[in-house]
Amino acid sequence: MAKPWAKAFYSSLAWECCRSSFIAERILADGGLCEICHEELGYIVHHVKELTPANISDPNISLNHSNLQYVCKKCHDKTHGVFCESKQKYFFDSNGQIQPYPPIKI
């Protein structure tokens, strides 16, 4: 989900046009496969250089196809460190204490 300071950008016509043209370009290039794993279809247009309040107004970063990737949800979540390899949310440590699985940082 977009951060509060980025919501206006992600609902702008400029972003919608850029996103649409980038997806069309990726579909022509390889059928729209994820640019990271090349196994799943792309799902999210991801900014390689992360958007910040300081650079979101710079079209060379926010609207530049060179700074975009079309990635599947799984790869996008891994990139942002919110993916957990295990479907289990908890495990028992060596002392028998229950512990949560932390997100995997890549």
PDB file of N, CA and C in Angstrom:
ATOM      1  N   MET A   1       0.833  -1.175   0.000  1.00  0.00           N
ATOM      2  CA  MET A   1       0.000   0.000   0.000  1.00  0.00           C
ATOM      3  C   MET A   1       0.878   1.238   0.000  1.00  0.00           C
ATOM      4  N   ALA A   2       0.450   2.233  -0.734  1.00  0.00           N
ATOM      5  CA  ALA A   2       1.219   3.467  -0.859  1.00  0.00           C
ATOM      6  C   ALA A   2       1.294   4.204   0.477  1.00  0.00           C
ATOM      7  N   LYS A   3       2.436   4.801   0.708  1.00  0.00           N
ATOM      8  CA  LYS A   3       2.597   5.617   1.910  1.00  0.00           C
ATOM      9  C   LYS A   3       1.759   6.879   1.732  1.00  0.00           C
ATOM     10  N   PRO A   4       1.314   7.476   2.824  1.00  0.00           N
ATOM     11  CA  PRO A   4       0.426   8.644   2.712  1.00  0.00           C
ATOM     12  C   PRO A   4       0.968   9.750   1.813  1.00  0.00           C
ATOM     13  N   TRP A   5       2.256  10.011   1.855  1.00  0.00           N
ATOM     14  CA  TRP A   5       2.835  11.091   1.057  1.00  0.00           C
ATOM     15  C   TRP A   5       2.911  10.727  -0.436  1.00  0.00           C
ATOM     16  N   ALA A   6       2.714   9.449  -0.779  1.00  0.00           N
ATOM     17  CA  ALA A   6       2.808   9.007  -2.176  1.00  0.00           C
ATOM     18  C   ALA A   6       1.449   8.751  -2.820  1.00  0.00           C
ATOM     19  N   LYS A   7       0.378   8.812  -2.064  1.00  0.00           N
ATOM     20  CA  LYS A   7      -0.946   8.472  -2.599  1.00  0.00           C
ATOM     21  C   LYS A   7      -1.349   9.353  -3.775  1.00  0.00           C
ATOM     22  N   ALA A   8      -1.094  10.647  -3.703  1.00  0.00           N
ATOM     23  CA  ALA A   8      -1.462  11.548  -4.809  1.00  0.00           C
ATOM     24  C   ALA A   8      -0.691  11.173  -6.073  1.00  0.00           C
ATOM     25  N   PHE A   9       0.583  10.823  -5.942  1.00  0.00           N
ATOM     26  CA  PHE A   9       1.381  10.430  -7.100  1.00  0.00           C
ATOM     27  C   PHE A   9       0.814   9.179  -7.756  1.00  0.00           C
ATOM     28  N   TYR A  10       0.533   8.143  -6.948  1.00  0.00           N
ATOM     29  CA  TYR A  10       0.066   6.871  -7.497  1.00  0.00           C
ATOM     30  C   TYR A  10      -1.344   6.942  -8.085  1.00  0.00           C
ATOM     31  N   SER A  11      -2.078   8.006  -7.784  1.00  0.00           N
ATOM     32  CA  SER A  11      -3.394   8.181  -8.407  1.00  0.00           C
ATOM     33  C   SER A  11      -3.363   9.217  -9.525  1.00  0.00           C
ATOM     34  N   SER A  12      -2.178   9.712  -9.866  1.00  0.00           N
ATOM     35  CA  SER A  12      -2.051  10.747 -10.902  1.00  0.00           C
ATOM     36  C   SER A  12      -2.123  10.152 -12.311  1.00  0.00           C
ATOM     37  N   LEU A  13      -2.545  10.974 -13.243  1.00  0.00           N
ATOM     38  CA  LEU A  13      -2.601  10.570 -14.646  1.00  0.00           C
ATOM     39  C   LEU A  13      -1.195  10.269 -15.176  1.00  0.00           C
ATOM     40  N   ALA A  14      -0.213  11.037 -14.736  1.00  0.00           N
ATOM     41  CA  ALA A  14       1.172  10.808 -15.186  1.00  0.00           C
ATOM     42  C   ALA A  14       1.633   9.405 -14.820  1.00  0.00           C
ATOM     43  N   TRP A  15       1.378   8.973 -13.564  1.00  0.00           N
ATOM     44  CA  TRP A  15       1.775   7.629 -13.148  1.00  0.00           C
ATOM     45  C   TRP A  15       0.974   6.573 -13.890  1.00  0.00           C
ATOM     46  N   GLU A  16      -0.332   6.766 -14.035  1.00  0.00           N
ATOM     47  CA  GLU A  16      -1.166   5.786 -14.727  1.00  0.00           C
ATOM     48  C   GLU A  16      -0.680   5.578 -16.163  1.00  0.00           C
ATOM     49  N   CYS A  17      -0.340   6.648 -16.856  1.00  0.00           N
ATOM     50  CA  CYS A  17       0.163   6.545 -18.237  1.00  0.00           C
ATOM     51  C   CYS A  17       1.528   5.864 -18.269  1.00  0.00           C
ATOM     52  N   CYS A  18       2.407   6.249 -17.360  1.00  0.00           N
ATOM     53  CA  CYS A  18       3.743   5.654 -17.298  1.00  0.00           C
ATOM     54  C   CYS A  18       3.641   4.161 -16.991  1.00  0.00           C
ATOM     55  N   ARG A  19       2.845   3.822 -15.999  1.00  0.00           N
ATOM     56  CA  ARG A  19       2.667   2.423 -15.599  1.00  0.00           C
ATOM     57  C   ARG A  19       2.108   1.596 -16.752  1.00  0.00           C
ATOM     58  N   SER A  20       1.072   2.106 -17.408  1.00  0.00           N
ATOM     59  CA  SER A  20       0.455   1.379 -18.527  1.00  0.00           C
ATOM     60  C   SER A  20       1.432   1.164 -19.671  1.00  0.00           C
ATOM     61  N   SER A  21       2.174   2.203 -20.011  1.00  0.00           N
ATOM     62  CA  SER A  21       3.121   2.070 -21.125  1.00  0.00           C
ATOM     63  C   SER A  21       4.265   1.123 -20.764  1.00  0.00           C
ATOM     64  N   PHE A  22       4.677   1.128 -19.494  1.00  0.00           N
ATOM     65  CA  PHE A  22       5.748   0.225 -19.078  1.00  0.00           C
ATOM     66  C   PHE A  22       5.281  -1.230 -19.124  1.00  0.00           C
ATOM     67  N   ILE A  23       4.070  -1.498 -18.649  1.00  0.00           N
ATOM     68  CA  ILE A  23       3.533  -2.858 -18.700  1.00  0.00           C
ATOM     69  C   ILE A  23       3.406  -3.321 -20.150  1.00  0.00           C
ATOM     70  N   ALA A  24       2.911  -2.454 -21.030  1.00  0.00           N
ATOM     71  CA  ALA A  24       2.786  -2.808 -22.448  1.00  0.00           C
ATOM     72  C   ALA A  24       4.157  -3.140 -23.042  1.00  0.00           C
ATOM     73  N   GLU A  25       5.166  -2.373 -22.670  1.00  0.00           N
ATOM     74  CA  GLU A  25       6.540  -2.611 -23.140  1.00  0.00           C
ATOM     75  C   GLU A  25       7.044  -3.982 -22.667  1.00  0.00           C
ATOM     76  N   ARG A  26       6.763  -4.312 -21.398  1.00  0.00           N
ATOM     77  CA  ARG A  26       7.208  -5.593 -20.842  1.00  0.00           C
ATOM     78  C   ARG A  26       6.459  -6.766 -21.488  1.00  0.00           C
ATOM     79  N   ILE A  27       5.185  -6.589 -21.790  1.00  0.00           N
ATOM     80  CA  ILE A  27       4.422  -7.652 -22.452  1.00  0.00           C
ATOM     81  C   ILE A  27       4.989  -7.910 -23.841  1.00  0.00           C
ATOM     82  N   LEU A  28       5.352  -6.856 -24.548  1.00  0.00           N
ATOM     83  CA  LEU A  28       5.965  -7.036 -25.866  1.00  0.00           C
ATOM     84  C   LEU A  28       7.343  -7.688 -25.764  1.00  0.00           C
ATOM     85  N   ALA A  29       8.081  -7.376 -24.712  1.00  0.00           N
ATOM     86  CA  ALA A  29       9.443  -7.890 -24.562  1.00  0.00           C
ATOM     87  C   ALA A  29       9.471  -9.389 -24.244  1.00  0.00           C
ATOM     88  N   ASP A  30       8.660  -9.823 -23.279  1.00  0.00           N
ATOM     89  CA  ASP A  30       8.740 -11.224 -22.854  1.00  0.00           C
ATOM     90  C   ASP A  30       7.411 -11.792 -22.365  1.00  0.00           C
ATOM     91  N   GLY A  31       6.334 -11.185 -22.781  1.00  0.00           N
ATOM     92  CA  GLY A  31       5.022 -11.665 -22.371  1.00  0.00           C
ATOM     93  C   GLY A  31       4.587 -11.171 -21.001  1.00  0.00           C
ATOM     94  N   GLY A  32       5.383 -10.307 -20.402  1.00  0.00           N
ATOM     95  CA  GLY A  32       5.038  -9.751 -19.092  1.00  0.00           C
ATOM     96  C   GLY A  32       5.524 -10.562 -17.915  1.00  0.00           C
ATOM     97  N   LEU A  33       6.589 -11.347 -18.116  1.00  0.00           N
ATOM     98  CA  LEU A  33       7.143 -12.138 -17.013  1.00  0.00           C
ATOM     99  C   LEU A  33       7.810 -11.247 -15.973  1.00  0.00           C
ATOM    100  N   CYS A  34       7.825 -11.742 -14.740  1.00  0.00           N
ATOM    101  CA  CYS A  34       8.524 -11.057 -13.656  1.00  0.00           C
ATOM    102  C   CYS A  34       9.982 -10.864 -14.063  1.00  0.00           C
ATOM    103  N   GLU A  35      10.483  -9.662 -13.903  1.00  0.00           N
ATOM    104  CA  GLU A  35      11.860  -9.368 -14.296  1.00  0.00           C
ATOM    105  C   GLU A  35      12.895  -9.905 -13.311  1.00  0.00           C
ATOM    106  N   ILE A  36      12.451 -10.430 -12.181  1.00  0.00           N
ATOM    107  CA  ILE A  36      13.393 -10.996 -11.218  1.00  0.00           C
ATOM    108  C   ILE A  36      13.466 -12.517 -11.353  1.00  0.00           C
ATOM    109  N   CYS A  37      12.334 -13.197 -11.188  1.00  0.00           N
ATOM    110  CA  CYS A  37      12.360 -14.665 -11.211  1.00  0.00           C
ATOM    111  C   CYS A  37      12.115 -15.253 -12.605  1.00  0.00           C
ATOM    112  N   HIS A  38      11.523 -14.504 -13.495  1.00  0.00           N
ATOM    113  CA  HIS A  38      11.208 -14.943 -14.864  1.00  0.00           C
ATOM    114  C   HIS A  38      10.327 -16.202 -14.876  1.00  0.00           C
ATOM    115  N   GLU A  39       9.565 -16.427 -13.796  1.00  0.00           N
ATOM    116  CA  GLU A  39       8.705 -17.606 -13.706  1.00  0.00           C
ATOM    117  C   GLU A  39       7.226 -17.249 -13.644  1.00  0.00           C
ATOM    118  N   GLU A  40       6.907 -16.188 -12.967  1.00  0.00           N
ATOM    119  CA  GLU A  40       5.519 -15.739 -12.794  1.00  0.00           C
ATOM    120  C   GLU A  40       5.272 -14.524 -13.680  1.00  0.00           C
ATOM    121  N   LEU A  41       4.011 -14.237 -13.919  1.00  0.00           N
ATOM    122  CA  LEU A  41       3.671 -13.007 -14.628  1.00  0.00           C
ATOM    123  C   LEU A  41       3.853 -11.818 -13.700  1.00  0.00           C
ATOM    124  N   GLY A  42       4.252 -10.697 -14.287  1.00  0.00           N
ATOM    125  CA  GLY A  42       4.380  -9.482 -13.508  1.00  0.00           C
ATOM    126  C   GLY A  42       3.046  -9.079 -12.925  1.00  0.00           C
ATOM    127  N   TYR A  43       3.103  -8.386 -11.795  1.00  0.00           N
ATOM    128  CA  TYR A  43       1.902  -7.988 -11.080  1.00  0.00           C
ATOM    129  C   TYR A  43       1.993  -6.540 -10.612  1.00  0.00           C
ATOM    130  N   ILE A  44       3.213  -6.100 -10.287  1.00  0.00           N
ATOM    131  CA  ILE A  44       3.434  -4.777  -9.714  1.00  0.00           C
ATOM    132  C   ILE A  44       4.559  -4.090 -10.477  1.00  0.00           C
ATOM    133  N   VAL A  45       4.358  -2.807 -10.784  1.00  0.00           N
ATOM    134  CA  VAL A  45       5.440  -2.003 -11.339  1.00  0.00           C
ATOM    135  C   VAL A  45       6.182  -1.419 -10.141  1.00  0.00           C
ATOM    136  N   HIS A  46       7.427  -1.828 -10.005  1.00  0.00           N
ATOM    137  CA  HIS A  46       8.261  -1.519  -8.840  1.00  0.00           C
ATOM    138  C   HIS A  46       9.318  -0.486  -9.210  1.00  0.00           C
ATOM    139  N   HIS A  47       9.517   0.511  -8.346  1.00  0.00           N
ATOM    140  CA  HIS A  47      10.601   1.479  -8.521  1.00  0.00           C
ATOM    141  C   HIS A  47      11.892   0.871  -7.970  1.00  0.00           C
ATOM    142  N   VAL A  48      12.909   0.740  -8.812  1.00  0.00           N
ATOM    143  CA  VAL A  48      14.194   0.178  -8.385  1.00  0.00           C
ATOM    144  C   VAL A  48      14.817   1.099  -7.341  1.00  0.00           C
ATOM    145  N   LYS A  49      14.973   2.376  -7.693  1.00  0.00           N
ATOM    146  CA  LYS A  49      15.405   3.366  -6.705  1.00  0.00           C
ATOM    147  C   LYS A  49      14.133   3.807  -5.997  1.00  0.00           C
ATOM    148  N   GLU A  50      14.037   3.487  -4.732  1.00  0.00           N
ATOM    149  CA  GLU A  50      12.819   3.711  -3.963  1.00  0.00           C
ATOM    150  C   GLU A  50      12.413   5.182  -3.954  1.00  0.00           C
ATOM    151  N   LEU A  51      11.118   5.401  -4.082  1.00  0.00           N
ATOM    152  CA  LEU A  51      10.605   6.760  -4.011  1.00  0.00           C
ATOM    153  C   LEU A  51      10.642   7.253  -2.570  1.00  0.00           C
ATOM    154  N   THR A  52      10.981   8.523  -2.434  1.00  0.00           N
ATOM    155  CA  THR A  52      11.009   9.189  -1.129  1.00  0.00           C
ATOM    156  C   THR A  52      10.280  10.520  -1.277  1.00  0.00           C
ATOM    157  N   PRO A  53       9.938  11.172  -0.172  1.00  0.00           N
ATOM    158  CA  PRO A  53       9.331  12.496  -0.296  1.00  0.00           C
ATOM    159  C   PRO A  53      10.237  13.481  -1.049  1.00  0.00           C
ATOM    160  N   ALA A  54      11.545  13.271  -0.975  1.00  0.00           N
ATOM    161  CA  ALA A  54      12.489  14.179  -1.632  1.00  0.00           C
ATOM    162  C   ALA A  54      12.587  13.963  -3.142  1.00  0.00           C
ATOM    163  N   ASN A  55      12.341  12.730  -3.630  1.00  0.00           N
ATOM    164  CA  ASN A  55      12.547  12.477  -5.065  1.00  0.00           C
ATOM    165  C   ASN A  55      11.271  12.152  -5.845  1.00  0.00           C
ATOM    166  N   ILE A  56      10.146  12.078  -5.185  1.00  0.00           N
ATOM    167  CA  ILE A  56       8.919  11.674  -5.867  1.00  0.00           C
ATOM    168  C   ILE A  56       8.498  12.661  -6.958  1.00  0.00           C
ATOM    169  N   SER A  57       8.892  13.906  -6.827  1.00  0.00           N
ATOM    170  CA  SER A  57       8.547  14.921  -7.838  1.00  0.00           C
ATOM    171  C   SER A  57       9.548  14.969  -8.988  1.00  0.00           C
ATOM    172  N   ASP A  58      10.581  14.165  -8.919  1.00  0.00           N
ATOM    173  CA  ASP A  58      11.599  14.121  -9.975  1.00  0.00           C
ATOM    174  C   ASP A  58      11.197  13.049 -10.993  1.00  0.00           C
ATOM    175  N   PRO A  59      10.737  13.456 -12.193  1.00  0.00           N
ATOM    176  CA  PRO A  59      10.297  12.468 -13.177  1.00  0.00           C
ATOM    177  C   PRO A  59      11.415  11.542 -13.650  1.00  0.00           C
ATOM    178  N   ASN A  60      12.676  11.945 -13.492  1.00  0.00           N
ATOM    179  CA  ASN A  60      13.786  11.069 -13.863  1.00  0.00           C
ATOM    180  C   ASN A  60      13.860   9.854 -12.943  1.00  0.00           C
ATOM    181  N   ILE A  61      13.232   9.938 -11.795  1.00  0.00           N
ATOM    182  CA  ILE A  61      13.188   8.814 -10.859  1.00  0.00           C
ATOM    183  C   ILE A  61      11.798   8.189 -10.837  1.00  0.00           C
ATOM    184  N   SER A  62      10.768   9.009 -10.683  1.00  0.00           N
ATOM    185  CA  SER A  62       9.421   8.468 -10.485  1.00  0.00           C
ATOM    186  C   SER A  62       8.742   7.980 -11.760  1.00  0.00           C
ATOM    187  N   LEU A  63       9.086   8.563 -12.913  1.00  0.00           N
ATOM    188  CA  LEU A  63       8.401   8.212 -14.157  1.00  0.00           C
ATOM    189  C   LEU A  63       9.336   7.673 -15.244  1.00  0.00           C
ATOM    190  N   ASN A  64      10.529   7.312 -14.885  1.00  0.00           N
ATOM    191  CA  ASN A  64      11.533   6.853 -15.833  1.00  0.00           C
ATOM    192  C   ASN A  64      11.488   5.328 -15.952  1.00  0.00           C
ATOM    193  N   HIS A  65      11.240   4.827 -17.147  1.00  0.00           N
ATOM    194  CA  HIS A  65      11.187   3.372 -17.359  1.00  0.00           C
ATOM    195  C   HIS A  65      12.481   2.686 -16.921  1.00  0.00           C
ATOM    196  N   SER A  66      13.599   3.391 -16.944  1.00  0.00           N
ATOM    197  CA  SER A  66      14.875   2.800 -16.513  1.00  0.00           C
ATOM    198  C   SER A  66      14.894   2.517 -15.020  1.00  0.00           C
ATOM    199  N   ASN A  67      14.007   3.150 -14.279  1.00  0.00           N
ATOM    200  CA  ASN A  67      13.950   2.942 -12.835  1.00  0.00           C
ATOM    201  C   ASN A  67      12.785   2.023 -12.442  1.00  0.00           C
ATOM    202  N   LEU A  68      12.193   1.346 -13.406  1.00  0.00           N
ATOM    203  CA  LEU A  68      11.040   0.496 -13.124  1.00  0.00           C
ATOM    204  C   LEU A  68      11.336  -0.964 -13.423  1.00  0.00           C
ATOM    205  N   GLN A  69      10.659  -1.836 -12.697  1.00  0.00           N
ATOM    206  CA  GLN A  69      10.683  -3.272 -12.952  1.00  0.00           C
ATOM    207  C   GLN A  69       9.256  -3.778 -12.856  1.00  0.00           C
ATOM    208  N   TYR A  70       8.922  -4.746 -13.698  1.00  0.00           N
ATOM    209  CA  TYR A  70       7.626  -5.407 -13.625  1.00  0.00           C
ATOM    210  C   TYR A  70       7.872  -6.730 -12.927  1.00  0.00           C
ATOM    211  N   VAL A  71       7.354  -6.861 -11.723  1.00  0.00           N
ATOM    212  CA  VAL A  71       7.669  -8.023 -10.890  1.00  0.00           C
ATOM    213  C   VAL A  71       6.402  -8.691 -10.356  1.00  0.00           C
ATOM    214  N   CYS A  72       6.524  -9.972 -10.029  1.00  0.00           N
ATOM    215  CA  CYS A  72       5.415 -10.698  -9.417  1.00  0.00           C
ATOM    216  C   CYS A  72       5.302 -10.276  -7.947  1.00  0.00           C
ATOM    217  N   LYS A  73       4.194 -10.604  -7.344  1.00  0.00           N
ATOM    218  CA  LYS A  73       3.965 -10.208  -5.945  1.00  0.00           C
ATOM    219  C   LYS A  73       4.996 -10.831  -5.010  1.00  0.00           C
ATOM    220  N   LYS A  74       5.321 -12.097  -5.245  1.00  0.00           N
ATOM    221  CA  LYS A  74       6.279 -12.795  -4.383  1.00  0.00           C
ATOM    222  C   LYS A  74       7.647 -12.095  -4.411  1.00  0.00           C
ATOM    223  N   CYS A  75       8.135 -11.764  -5.596  1.00  0.00           N
ATOM    224  CA  CYS A  75       9.442 -11.087  -5.699  1.00  0.00           C
ATOM    225  C   CYS A  75       9.373  -9.671  -5.137  1.00  0.00           C
ATOM    226  N   HIS A  76       8.263  -8.988  -5.343  1.00  0.00           N
ATOM    227  CA  HIS A  76       8.110  -7.633  -4.793  1.00  0.00           C
ATOM    228  C   HIS A  76       8.145  -7.687  -3.263  1.00  0.00           C
ATOM    229  N   ASP A  77       7.448  -8.645  -2.680  1.00  0.00           N
ATOM    230  CA  ASP A  77       7.446  -8.764  -1.224  1.00  0.00           C
ATOM    231  C   ASP A  77       8.840  -9.107  -0.699  1.00  0.00           C
ATOM    232  N   LYS A  78       9.558  -9.981  -1.404  1.00  0.00           N
ATOM    233  CA  LYS A  78      10.932 -10.300  -0.995  1.00  0.00           C
ATOM    234  C   LYS A  78      11.804  -9.054  -1.034  1.00  0.00           C
ATOM    235  N   THR A  79      11.660  -8.257  -2.078  1.00  0.00           N
ATOM    236  CA  THR A  79      12.454  -7.038  -2.231  1.00  0.00           C
ATOM    237  C   THR A  79      12.242  -6.098  -1.052  1.00  0.00           C
ATOM    238  N   HIS A  80      11.012  -6.052  -0.547  1.00  0.00           N
ATOM    239  CA  HIS A  80      10.691  -5.161   0.566  1.00  0.00           C
ATOM    240  C   HIS A  80      10.789  -5.842   1.923  1.00  0.00           C
ATOM    241  N   GLY A  81      11.289  -7.081   1.939  1.00  0.00           N
ATOM    242  CA  GLY A  81      11.536  -7.761   3.205  1.00  0.00           C
ATOM    243  C   GLY A  81      10.288  -8.155   3.967  1.00  0.00           C
ATOM    244  N   VAL A  82       9.190  -8.419   3.271  1.00  0.00           N
ATOM    245  CA  VAL A  82       7.965  -8.804   3.972  1.00  0.00           C
ATOM    246  C   VAL A  82       7.559 -10.237   3.650  1.00  0.00           C
ATOM    247  N   PHE A  83       8.441 -11.002   3.039  1.00  0.00           N
ATOM    248  CA  PHE A  83       8.117 -12.368   2.646  1.00  0.00           C
ATOM    249  C   PHE A  83       8.671 -13.340   3.670  1.00  0.00           C
ATOM    250  N   CYS A  84       7.888 -14.308   4.027  1.00  0.00           N
ATOM    251  CA  CYS A  84       8.324 -15.351   4.955  1.00  0.00           C
ATOM    252  C   CYS A  84       8.315 -16.676   4.214  1.00  0.00           C
ATOM    253  N   GLU A  85       9.435 -17.387   4.172  1.00  0.00           N
ATOM    254  CA  GLU A  85       9.547 -18.651   3.458  1.00  0.00           C
ATOM    255  C   GLU A  85       8.568 -19.690   4.002  1.00  0.00           C
ATOM    256  N   SER A  86       8.351 -19.677   5.298  1.00  0.00           N
ATOM    257  CA  SER A  86       7.500 -20.679   5.925  1.00  0.00           C
ATOM    258  C   SER A  86       6.064 -20.182   5.999  1.00  0.00           C
ATOM    259  N   LYS A  87       5.124 -21.086   5.831  1.00  0.00           N
ATOM    260  CA  LYS A  87       3.726 -20.725   6.012  1.00  0.00           C
ATOM    261  C   LYS A  87       3.398 -20.664   7.499  1.00  0.00           C
ATOM    262  N   GLN A  88       4.268 -21.262   8.315  1.00  0.00           N
ATOM    263  CA  GLN A  88       4.073 -21.210   9.755  1.00  0.00           C
ATOM    264  C   GLN A  88       4.511 -19.840  10.255  1.00  0.00           C
ATOM    265  N   LYS A  89       3.785 -19.327  11.226  1.00  0.00           N
ATOM    266  CA  LYS A  89       4.118 -18.018  11.768  1.00  0.00           C
ATOM    267  C   LYS A  89       4.988 -18.109  13.013  1.00  0.00           C
ATOM    268  N   TYR A  90       5.057 -19.308  13.625  1.00  0.00           N
ATOM    269  CA  TYR A  90       5.813 -19.486  14.857  1.00  0.00           C
ATOM    270  C   TYR A  90       6.613 -20.789  14.808  1.00  0.00           C
ATOM    271  N   PHE A  91       7.649 -20.869  15.644  1.00  0.00           N
ATOM    272  CA  PHE A  91       8.422 -22.097  15.781  1.00  0.00           C
ATOM    273  C   PHE A  91       8.895 -22.201  17.230  1.00  0.00           C
ATOM    274  N   PHE A  92       9.361 -23.379  17.616  1.00  0.00           N
ATOM    275  CA  PHE A  92       9.906 -23.569  18.951  1.00  0.00           C
ATOM    276  C   PHE A  92      11.424 -23.500  18.876  1.00  0.00           C
ATOM    277  N   ASP A  93      12.022 -22.653  19.697  1.00  0.00           N
ATOM    278  CA  ASP A  93      13.480 -22.535  19.701  1.00  0.00           C
ATOM    279  C   ASP A  93      14.098 -23.690  20.485  1.00  0.00           C
ATOM    280  N   SER A  94      15.423 -23.690  20.634  1.00  0.00           N
ATOM    281  CA  SER A  94      16.123 -24.802  21.293  1.00  0.00           C
ATOM    282  C   SER A  94      15.762 -24.935  22.766  1.00  0.00           C
ATOM    283  N   ASN A  95      15.189 -23.899  23.367  1.00  0.00           N
ATOM    284  CA  ASN A  95      14.755 -23.956  24.767  1.00  0.00           C
ATOM    285  C   ASN A  95      13.277 -24.304  24.899  1.00  0.00           C
ATOM    286  N   GLY A  96      12.629 -24.609  23.778  1.00  0.00           N
ATOM    287  CA  GLY A  96      11.226 -24.964  23.811  1.00  0.00           C
ATOM    288  C   GLY A  96      10.280 -23.776  23.890  1.00  0.00           C
ATOM    289  N   GLN A  97      10.828 -22.582  23.704  1.00  0.00           N
ATOM    290  CA  GLN A  97      10.016 -21.368  23.754  1.00  0.00           C
ATOM    291  C   GLN A  97       9.476 -21.057  22.355  1.00  0.00           C
ATOM    292  N   ILE A  98       8.223 -20.622  22.299  1.00  0.00           N
ATOM    293  CA  ILE A  98       7.627 -20.288  21.004  1.00  0.00           C
ATOM    294  C   ILE A  98       8.176 -18.943  20.539  1.00  0.00           C
ATOM    295  N   GLN A  99       8.540 -18.896  19.249  1.00  0.00           N
ATOM    296  CA  GLN A  99       9.129 -17.695  18.655  1.00  0.00           C
ATOM    297  C   GLN A  99       8.449 -17.405  17.315  1.00  0.00           C
ATOM    298  N   PRO A 100       8.262 -16.127  16.959  1.00  0.00           N
ATOM    299  CA  PRO A 100       7.702 -15.813  15.643  1.00  0.00           C
ATOM    300  C   PRO A 100       8.779 -15.923  14.562  1.00  0.00           C
ATOM    301  N   TYR A 101       8.371 -16.334  13.352  1.00  0.00           N
ATOM    302  CA  TYR A 101       9.294 -16.301  12.221  1.00  0.00           C
ATOM    303  C   TYR A 101       9.451 -14.852  11.805  1.00  0.00           C
ATOM    304  N   PRO A 102      10.669 -14.367  11.734  1.00  0.00           N
ATOM    305  CA  PRO A 102      10.860 -12.984  11.280  1.00  0.00           C
ATOM    306  C   PRO A 102      10.757 -12.920   9.755  1.00  0.00           C
ATOM    307  N   PRO A 103      10.399 -11.751   9.210  1.00  0.00           N
ATOM    308  CA  PRO A 103      10.446 -11.610   7.742  1.00  0.00           C
ATOM    309  C   PRO A 103      11.872 -11.790   7.262  1.00  0.00           C
ATOM    310  N   ILE A 104      12.024 -12.301   6.072  1.00  0.00           N
ATOM    311  CA  ILE A 104      13.338 -12.529   5.498  1.00  0.00           C
ATOM    312  C   ILE A 104      13.773 -11.271   4.760  1.00  0.00           C
ATOM    313  N   LYS A 105      14.919 -10.722   5.119  1.00  0.00           N
ATOM    314  CA  LYS A 105      15.473  -9.553   4.430  1.00  0.00           C
ATOM    315  C   LYS A 105      16.398 -10.033   3.338  1.00  0.00           C
ATOM    316  N   ILE A 106      16.209  -9.493   2.149  1.00  0.00           N
ATOM    317  CA  ILE A 106      17.050  -9.893   1.008  1.00  0.00           C
ATOM    318  C   ILE A 106      17.867  -8.707   0.563  1.00  0.00           C
TER     319      ILE A 106
END
